[in-house]
Every structure is written in C-alpha cells, then in structure tokens.
N, C-alpha and C. Protein backbone atom coordinates (compact mmCIF):
# COMPACT_ATOMS: atom_id res chain seq x y z
N MET A 1 68.43 64.38 102.44
CA MET A 1 68.07 65.07 103.88
C MET A 1 68.51 66.24 104.30
N ARG A 2 67.09 66.11 105.03
CA ARG A 2 67.02 67.61 105.29
C ARG A 2 67.60 67.52 106.63
N THR A 3 68.11 69.17 106.73
CA THR A 3 68.62 69.75 108.07
C THR A 3 67.96 70.66 108.32
N LEU A 4 67.70 70.71 110.09
CA LEU A 4 67.52 71.73 110.58
C LEU A 4 68.41 72.43 111.84
N HIS A 5 68.28 73.70 111.53
CA HIS A 5 69.39 73.94 112.34
C HIS A 5 68.55 74.87 113.73
N ILE A 6 68.17 74.87 115.06
CA ILE A 6 68.10 75.60 115.79
C ILE A 6 68.81 76.36 116.75
N PRO A 7 68.64 78.04 116.43
CA PRO A 7 69.20 78.69 117.26
C PRO A 7 69.02 78.07 118.95
N VAL A 8 70.24 78.31 118.83
CA VAL A 8 70.67 78.72 121.47
C VAL A 8 70.83 79.70 120.87
N LYS A 9 70.07 80.15 122.38
CA LYS A 9 71.46 81.76 122.81
C LYS A 9 72.39 81.15 124.09
N SER A 10 73.59 81.31 123.71
CA SER A 10 74.53 81.46 125.22
C SER A 10 73.76 82.69 126.47
N THR A 11 73.91 82.59 127.36
CA THR A 11 73.36 82.89 128.77
C THR A 11 75.18 83.28 129.25
N VAL A 12 75.57 83.21 128.49
CA VAL A 12 77.13 83.62 129.16
C VAL A 12 77.40 84.68 129.01
N PRO A 13 78.11 86.08 130.45
CA PRO A 13 78.08 87.30 129.48
C PRO A 13 79.78 87.07 128.46
N ILE A 14 79.25 88.34 127.29
CA ILE A 14 81.01 88.67 126.68
C ILE A 14 81.45 89.34 127.49
N ILE A 15 82.16 89.90 127.92
CA ILE A 15 82.89 90.77 128.82
C ILE A 15 84.87 90.98 127.92
N LEU A 16 84.87 92.15 127.24
CA LEU A 16 86.15 92.39 126.84
C LEU A 16 87.20 92.66 127.58
N THR A 17 88.07 92.38 128.64
CA THR A 17 88.76 93.40 129.40
C THR A 17 89.41 93.99 128.89
N GLU A 18 90.18 95.18 129.58
CA GLU A 18 91.11 96.41 129.66
C GLU A 18 92.08 95.32 128.16
N ASP A 19 92.58 95.05 128.98
CA ASP A 19 94.20 93.47 128.37
C ASP A 19 94.00 93.44 127.23
N ILE A 20 92.30 92.67 127.02
CA ILE A 20 92.10 92.22 125.42
C ILE A 20 92.33 93.29 124.25
N ILE A 21 91.64 94.40 124.70
CA ILE A 21 90.98 95.50 123.57
C ILE A 21 92.10 96.08 123.90
N SER A 22 93.04 96.03 124.56
CA SER A 22 94.31 97.06 124.38
C SER A 22 95.37 96.61 123.16
N ARG A 23 95.14 95.01 123.29
CA ARG A 23 96.20 94.22 122.23
C ARG A 23 95.40 94.39 120.76
N LEU A 24 94.28 94.91 120.93
CA LEU A 24 93.60 94.55 119.51
C LEU A 24 93.77 95.90 118.45
N PRO A 25 94.78 95.98 117.38
CA PRO A 25 94.43 96.83 116.57
C PRO A 25 92.89 97.86 116.48
N ASN A 26 93.63 98.52 115.57
CA ASN A 26 92.00 99.93 115.53
C ASN A 26 90.89 99.52 114.49
N LYS A 27 91.20 98.84 113.05
CA LYS A 27 89.88 98.37 112.52
C LYS A 27 89.35 97.11 112.92
N ILE A 28 88.72 96.18 113.51
CA ILE A 28 88.07 95.04 113.52
C ILE A 28 86.85 94.19 112.95
N ALA A 29 87.47 93.13 112.28
CA ALA A 29 85.86 92.65 112.33
C ALA A 29 85.73 91.38 112.89
N LEU A 30 83.63 91.12 113.84
CA LEU A 30 83.74 91.50 114.59
C LEU A 30 82.74 89.39 113.86
N VAL A 31 83.43 88.79 114.15
CA VAL A 31 82.34 87.36 114.69
C VAL A 31 81.89 86.03 115.21
N MET A 32 80.85 86.02 115.14
CA MET A 32 80.80 84.47 116.09
C MET A 32 79.27 83.98 115.97
N PRO A 33 79.59 82.86 116.78
CA PRO A 33 77.80 81.52 116.07
C PRO A 33 76.84 82.30 116.57
N VAL A 34 76.04 81.82 115.88
CA VAL A 34 74.70 82.31 116.76
C VAL A 34 74.11 82.75 117.82
N GLN A 35 75.38 81.04 118.60
CA GLN A 35 74.84 80.81 120.15
C GLN A 35 75.13 82.50 121.11
N HIS A 36 76.28 83.48 119.92
CA HIS A 36 76.17 85.46 121.12
C HIS A 36 75.87 85.57 120.15
N ILE A 37 75.22 85.91 118.92
CA ILE A 37 74.51 86.40 117.99
C ILE A 37 73.97 87.60 118.43
N HIS A 38 72.97 87.41 119.28
CA HIS A 38 72.17 88.06 120.23
C HIS A 38 72.34 89.29 121.47
N LYS A 39 73.62 88.94 121.39
CA LYS A 39 74.73 90.02 122.43
C LYS A 39 75.65 90.73 121.45
N ARG A 40 75.73 90.60 120.11
CA ARG A 40 76.63 91.39 119.26
C ARG A 40 76.30 92.78 119.42
N ASP A 41 75.53 93.31 119.13
CA ASP A 41 75.90 95.16 119.81
C ASP A 41 76.41 95.36 120.73
N GLU A 42 76.21 94.16 121.95
CA GLU A 42 77.00 94.75 123.50
C GLU A 42 78.64 94.39 122.54
N VAL A 43 78.85 93.75 122.12
CA VAL A 43 80.83 93.30 121.46
C VAL A 43 80.43 94.67 121.55
N ILE A 44 79.73 95.11 120.14
CA ILE A 44 80.05 96.58 119.48
C ILE A 44 80.47 97.75 120.46
N ALA A 45 79.38 97.79 120.57
CA ALA A 45 79.35 98.76 122.11
C ALA A 45 80.84 98.93 122.73
N GLN A 46 81.29 97.58 123.27
CA GLN A 46 82.58 97.87 124.03
C GLN A 46 83.82 98.25 123.16
N LEU A 47 83.22 97.95 121.91
CA LEU A 47 84.80 97.93 121.10
C LEU A 47 84.51 99.75 120.90
N HIS A 48 83.72 100.48 120.51
CA HIS A 48 83.43 101.41 120.21
C HIS A 48 83.73 102.48 121.50
N ARG A 49 83.28 101.58 122.53
CA ARG A 49 84.21 102.71 123.56
C ARG A 49 85.39 102.70 123.86
N ALA A 50 85.86 101.55 123.46
CA ALA A 50 87.09 101.75 123.35
C ALA A 50 88.21 102.43 121.88
N GLY A 51 87.19 103.25 121.32
CA GLY A 51 88.08 104.00 120.11
C GLY A 51 88.22 103.29 118.72
N LYS A 52 87.52 102.13 118.93
CA LYS A 52 87.56 100.56 117.93
C LYS A 52 86.80 100.55 116.47
N GLU A 53 87.30 100.36 115.60
CA GLU A 53 86.39 100.63 114.32
C GLU A 53 85.77 99.25 114.43
N VAL A 54 84.38 98.72 113.56
CA VAL A 54 84.12 97.74 114.22
C VAL A 54 83.31 96.76 112.98
N VAL A 55 83.52 95.70 111.59
CA VAL A 55 83.07 95.68 110.99
C VAL A 55 82.42 94.39 110.36
N LEU A 56 80.92 94.29 110.45
CA LEU A 56 80.06 92.68 110.11
C LEU A 56 80.34 92.15 109.41
N PRO A 57 81.25 90.99 108.38
CA PRO A 57 80.90 90.85 107.37
C PRO A 57 79.71 90.07 107.14
N GLN A 58 79.84 89.71 106.10
CA GLN A 58 78.12 89.41 105.40
C GLN A 58 78.46 87.44 104.84
N GLY A 59 77.57 86.86 106.18
CA GLY A 59 77.37 85.46 105.59
C GLY A 59 77.44 85.06 104.04
N TYR A 60 77.98 84.56 103.84
CA TYR A 60 77.17 83.25 102.73
C TYR A 60 76.04 82.67 102.92
N HIS A 61 76.37 81.70 103.93
CA HIS A 61 75.43 81.10 104.59
C HIS A 61 74.88 80.94 105.93
N THR A 62 74.74 82.24 105.96
CA THR A 62 73.99 82.61 107.96
C THR A 62 73.31 84.27 107.23
N ARG A 63 72.15 84.07 108.85
CA ARG A 63 71.18 84.47 108.97
C ARG A 63 71.26 86.52 109.12
N HIS A 64 72.91 85.52 109.63
CA HIS A 64 72.84 87.67 110.81
C HIS A 64 74.42 87.70 110.13
N ASP A 65 74.81 88.76 110.05
CA ASP A 65 76.00 89.82 109.72
C ASP A 65 76.87 89.67 110.39
N GLY A 66 78.55 89.45 110.46
CA GLY A 66 79.14 88.83 111.65
C GLY A 66 79.00 87.31 111.72
N GLN A 67 77.90 86.44 111.23
CA GLN A 67 77.63 84.98 112.02
C GLN A 67 78.88 84.28 111.47
N VAL A 68 78.85 83.39 112.16
CA VAL A 68 80.40 82.07 111.24
C VAL A 68 79.38 81.31 111.50
N LEU A 69 78.83 80.17 110.40
CA LEU A 69 78.53 78.56 111.08
C LEU A 69 79.02 77.20 111.23
N GLY A 70 79.58 76.81 112.06
CA GLY A 70 80.19 76.05 112.39
C GLY A 70 81.75 76.31 112.12
N CYS A 71 82.21 75.41 111.29
CA CYS A 71 83.95 76.05 111.09
C CYS A 71 84.14 76.43 109.87
N ASP A 72 82.96 77.19 109.08
CA ASP A 72 83.18 77.98 107.96
C ASP A 72 83.15 79.13 108.48
N GLN A 73 84.87 80.03 107.73
CA GLN A 73 85.09 80.88 108.20
C GLN A 73 84.96 81.72 107.05
N ALA A 74 84.41 81.62 105.98
CA ALA A 74 84.38 82.51 104.01
C ALA A 74 83.61 83.57 104.65
N GLU A 75 82.62 83.81 105.41
CA GLU A 75 82.40 85.26 106.12
C GLU A 75 82.90 86.22 106.08
N GLY A 76 84.80 85.74 106.76
CA GLY A 76 85.66 86.60 106.92
C GLY A 76 86.30 86.92 106.09
N HIS A 77 86.26 86.48 104.97
CA HIS A 77 87.43 87.11 103.32
C HIS A 77 86.97 87.72 103.00
N GLY A 78 88.06 88.56 102.53
CA GLY A 78 87.75 89.86 101.59
C GLY A 78 87.94 91.24 102.61
N ILE A 79 87.71 91.02 103.73
CA ILE A 79 86.79 91.95 104.69
C ILE A 79 88.48 93.80 105.01
N ASP A 80 87.74 94.86 104.74
CA ASP A 80 88.93 95.36 105.17
C ASP A 80 89.18 96.01 106.55
N ALA A 81 89.59 95.01 107.41
CA ALA A 81 90.21 94.86 108.54
C ALA A 81 91.39 94.84 108.88
N ASP A 82 92.14 94.98 110.02
CA ASP A 82 93.85 95.03 110.52
C ASP A 82 93.75 93.52 111.54
N ALA A 83 92.44 92.68 111.88
CA ALA A 83 92.46 91.92 112.77
C ALA A 83 90.57 91.44 113.04
N TYR A 84 90.77 89.96 112.57
CA TYR A 84 89.86 89.24 112.72
C TYR A 84 89.40 89.26 114.28
N LEU A 85 88.20 89.44 115.23
CA LEU A 85 88.32 89.49 116.64
C LEU A 85 86.13 87.64 116.53
N CYS A 86 87.00 86.70 116.64
CA CYS A 86 85.94 85.68 116.72
C CYS A 86 85.80 85.28 118.41
N VAL A 87 84.29 85.41 118.45
CA VAL A 87 84.12 85.43 119.69
C VAL A 87 83.71 84.06 119.65
C-alpha cells in the first residue's frame, strides 16, 4: 500500500515565555513535527536571544533537520545536548 504524506502548516504562533526559557539548560536539541517546521527558525531565534545553543537532529525518515515523524523519536538519540525541546 502506498502512503502519501501531506504537510499541513500550523497557523498558531510559537512563543516561548521567559518562564519556559529560564527552565531550559544551555544546550538544547530542538525537534518538532512538520506542522511547525516552517517556524523552526523563529523558535531558534527566541532561544538564541536568550543565550541558548540549539542543535537540530538530522532525521532518518524525515525531510527537515529537527523534524520528528509521528511518534518516531529516533531522530533525537545520540545528540550532544543537555535537553530536548519538542514543540
């Protein structure tokens, strides 16, 4: 059976509050589903402004760095980061 994946873009703004950012360690692996991937750079900019270092895992089954596919979290394993932030 063939599968067709159709990316749908979320229109909800992704705003990380100061409270959220203050709880994060310095080095963060950022992952998100395809619905939010077009806002990835905005999230990275928010984290950089707060002095955080961001790494994007390269997916095995995904098109974009930092993207997770469904509940497959394999993209995040083996990344040198203090925490994972899943949007």
